Amino acid sequence: MSKELSNGVSKRAGRAHSLILKLAADFIKREIDAVGVLVTATRIEITPGFKEAKIFISVWPEGGEKEIMRSLENSKKELYKYMKEHFKIKYMPVFEFKIDKGEKARLKVEEILKKEK
């Protein structure tokens, strides 16, 4: 019987998710030229069988999103190579980057609450 986390993901898959997210964050920090912009890998969604992985990011200030997304799209091959070097897995997923809209909404709520004080 496999042990599962509360979200239905096995512990092994959960560790893989965490490691891939950490490696993606490390890659972004090392490879993406983000002068004056904070880029954070916030979460990851991986399809069953590890065929595809969506890496969600937040960008602050928001004005830098388009440029960062363009840089990330252009560096997918390098990310794939980086992952292959640092994570031994039979099938490496195809990576896709998305802006984390949930994180954007959370930040806006925080900003509104600060203004009300």
Protein backbone atom coordinates (compact mmCIF):
# COMPACT_ATOMS: atom_id res chain seq x y z
CA MET A 1 0.00 0.00 0.00
CA SER A 2 1.47 3.36 -1.01
CA LYS A 3 1.38 6.20 1.47
CA GLU A 4 -0.25 9.35 0.19
CA LEU A 5 -0.15 12.94 1.28
CA SER A 6 -3.38 14.84 1.99
CA ASN A 7 -3.53 16.08 -1.62
CA GLY A 8 -3.57 12.52 -3.01
CA VAL A 9 0.06 12.56 -4.13
CA SER A 10 2.31 9.74 -2.96
CA LYS A 11 5.21 10.66 -0.69
CA ARG A 12 7.65 9.70 -3.44
CA ALA A 13 5.88 11.89 -6.00
CA GLY A 14 5.68 14.67 -3.41
CA ARG A 15 9.45 14.54 -2.93
CA ALA A 16 9.92 14.62 -6.71
CA HIS A 17 7.61 17.65 -6.96
CA SER A 18 9.57 19.44 -4.24
CA LEU A 19 12.93 18.66 -5.83
CA ILE A 20 11.84 19.76 -9.30
CA LEU A 21 10.44 23.02 -7.86
CA LYS A 22 13.69 23.66 -5.96
CA LEU A 23 15.79 22.94 -9.06
CA ALA A 24 13.56 25.22 -11.17
CA ALA A 25 13.97 28.00 -8.58
CA ASP A 26 17.75 27.50 -8.56
CA PHE A 27 17.83 27.57 -12.38
CA ILE A 28 15.79 30.77 -12.53
CA LYS A 29 18.04 32.42 -9.95
CA ARG A 30 21.22 31.44 -11.84
CA GLU A 31 20.20 31.79 -15.47
CA ILE A 32 17.51 34.46 -15.81
CA ASP A 33 18.78 38.04 -16.01
CA ALA A 34 16.24 39.77 -13.79
CA VAL A 35 17.84 43.06 -12.80
CA GLY A 36 15.44 44.96 -10.55
CA VAL A 37 12.85 42.17 -10.72
CA LEU A 38 12.11 39.47 -8.14
CA VAL A 39 11.21 36.13 -9.73
CA THR A 40 9.98 33.31 -7.50
CA ALA A 41 8.98 29.75 -8.40
CA THR A 42 5.85 29.35 -6.25
CA ARG A 43 4.46 25.91 -7.09
CA ILE A 44 4.46 23.13 -9.62
CA GLU A 45 1.84 20.89 -11.22
CA ILE A 46 3.01 17.65 -12.80
CA THR A 47 0.79 15.34 -14.83
CA PRO A 48 0.59 11.65 -13.89
CA GLY A 49 3.48 9.82 -15.48
CA PHE A 50 5.60 13.00 -15.32
CA LYS A 51 4.92 13.88 -18.97
CA GLU A 52 4.34 17.60 -18.40
CA ALA A 53 5.23 20.02 -15.61
CA LYS A 54 3.81 23.52 -15.16
CA ILE A 55 6.08 25.73 -13.10
CA PHE A 56 4.19 28.67 -11.61
CA ILE A 57 6.13 31.84 -10.93
CA SER A 58 5.49 35.22 -9.39
CA VAL A 59 7.20 38.34 -10.71
CA TRP A 60 7.53 41.59 -8.79
CA PRO A 61 7.07 44.26 -9.93
CA GLU A 62 4.43 43.05 -12.35
CA GLY A 63 5.77 45.23 -15.16
CA GLY A 64 8.59 42.73 -15.69
CA GLU A 65 6.34 39.72 -16.36
CA LYS A 66 6.45 39.76 -20.17
CA GLU A 67 10.23 40.03 -20.35
CA ILE A 68 10.74 37.32 -17.71
CA MET A 69 8.27 34.97 -19.41
CA ARG A 70 10.05 35.54 -22.74
CA SER A 71 13.42 34.74 -21.10
CA LEU A 72 12.00 31.61 -19.48
CA GLU A 73 10.46 30.40 -22.75
CA ASN A 74 13.80 30.92 -24.50
CA SER A 75 15.65 28.95 -21.83
CA LYS A 76 13.49 25.79 -21.76
CA LYS A 77 16.19 23.66 -23.41
CA GLU A 78 18.76 24.81 -20.86
CA LEU A 79 16.30 24.08 -18.03
CA TYR A 80 15.75 20.57 -19.42
CA LYS A 81 19.52 19.96 -19.52
CA TYR A 82 19.94 21.39 -16.02
CA MET A 83 17.20 19.10 -14.69
CA LYS A 84 18.72 16.04 -16.40
CA GLU A 85 22.09 16.81 -14.76
CA HIS A 86 20.65 17.26 -11.26
CA PHE A 87 17.67 14.90 -11.11
CA LYS A 88 17.89 11.30 -12.23
CA ILE A 89 14.49 10.24 -13.49
CA LYS A 90 13.54 7.87 -16.28
CA TYR A 91 11.32 10.36 -18.11
CA MET A 92 11.89 14.07 -17.67
CA PRO A 93 8.70 16.12 -18.12
CA VAL A 94 8.25 18.85 -20.69
CA PHE A 95 8.31 22.16 -18.83
CA GLU A 96 5.90 25.06 -19.18
CA PHE A 97 5.96 28.34 -17.25
CA LYS A 98 2.86 30.11 -15.98
CA ILE A 99 2.26 33.24 -13.94
CA ASP A 100 0.82 32.27 -10.54
CA LYS A 101 -2.42 34.25 -10.54
CA GLY A 102 -3.31 33.00 -7.05
CA GLU A 103 -0.14 34.56 -5.69
CA LYS A 104 -0.91 37.80 -7.55
CA ALA A 105 -4.38 37.90 -5.97
CA ARG A 106 -2.94 37.23 -2.50
CA LEU A 107 -0.46 40.10 -2.88
CA LYS A 108 -3.23 42.49 -3.98
CA VAL A 109 -5.34 41.55 -0.95
CA GLU A 110 -2.35 42.18 1.33
CA GLU A 111 -1.81 45.57 -0.31
CA ILE A 112 -5.46 46.54 0.20
CA LEU A 113 -5.35 45.45 3.84
CA LYS A 114 -2.21 47.53 4.45
CA LYS A 115 -3.90 50.62 2.97
CA GLU A 116 -6.92 50.18 5.28
CA LYS A 117 -4.78 50.30 8.45
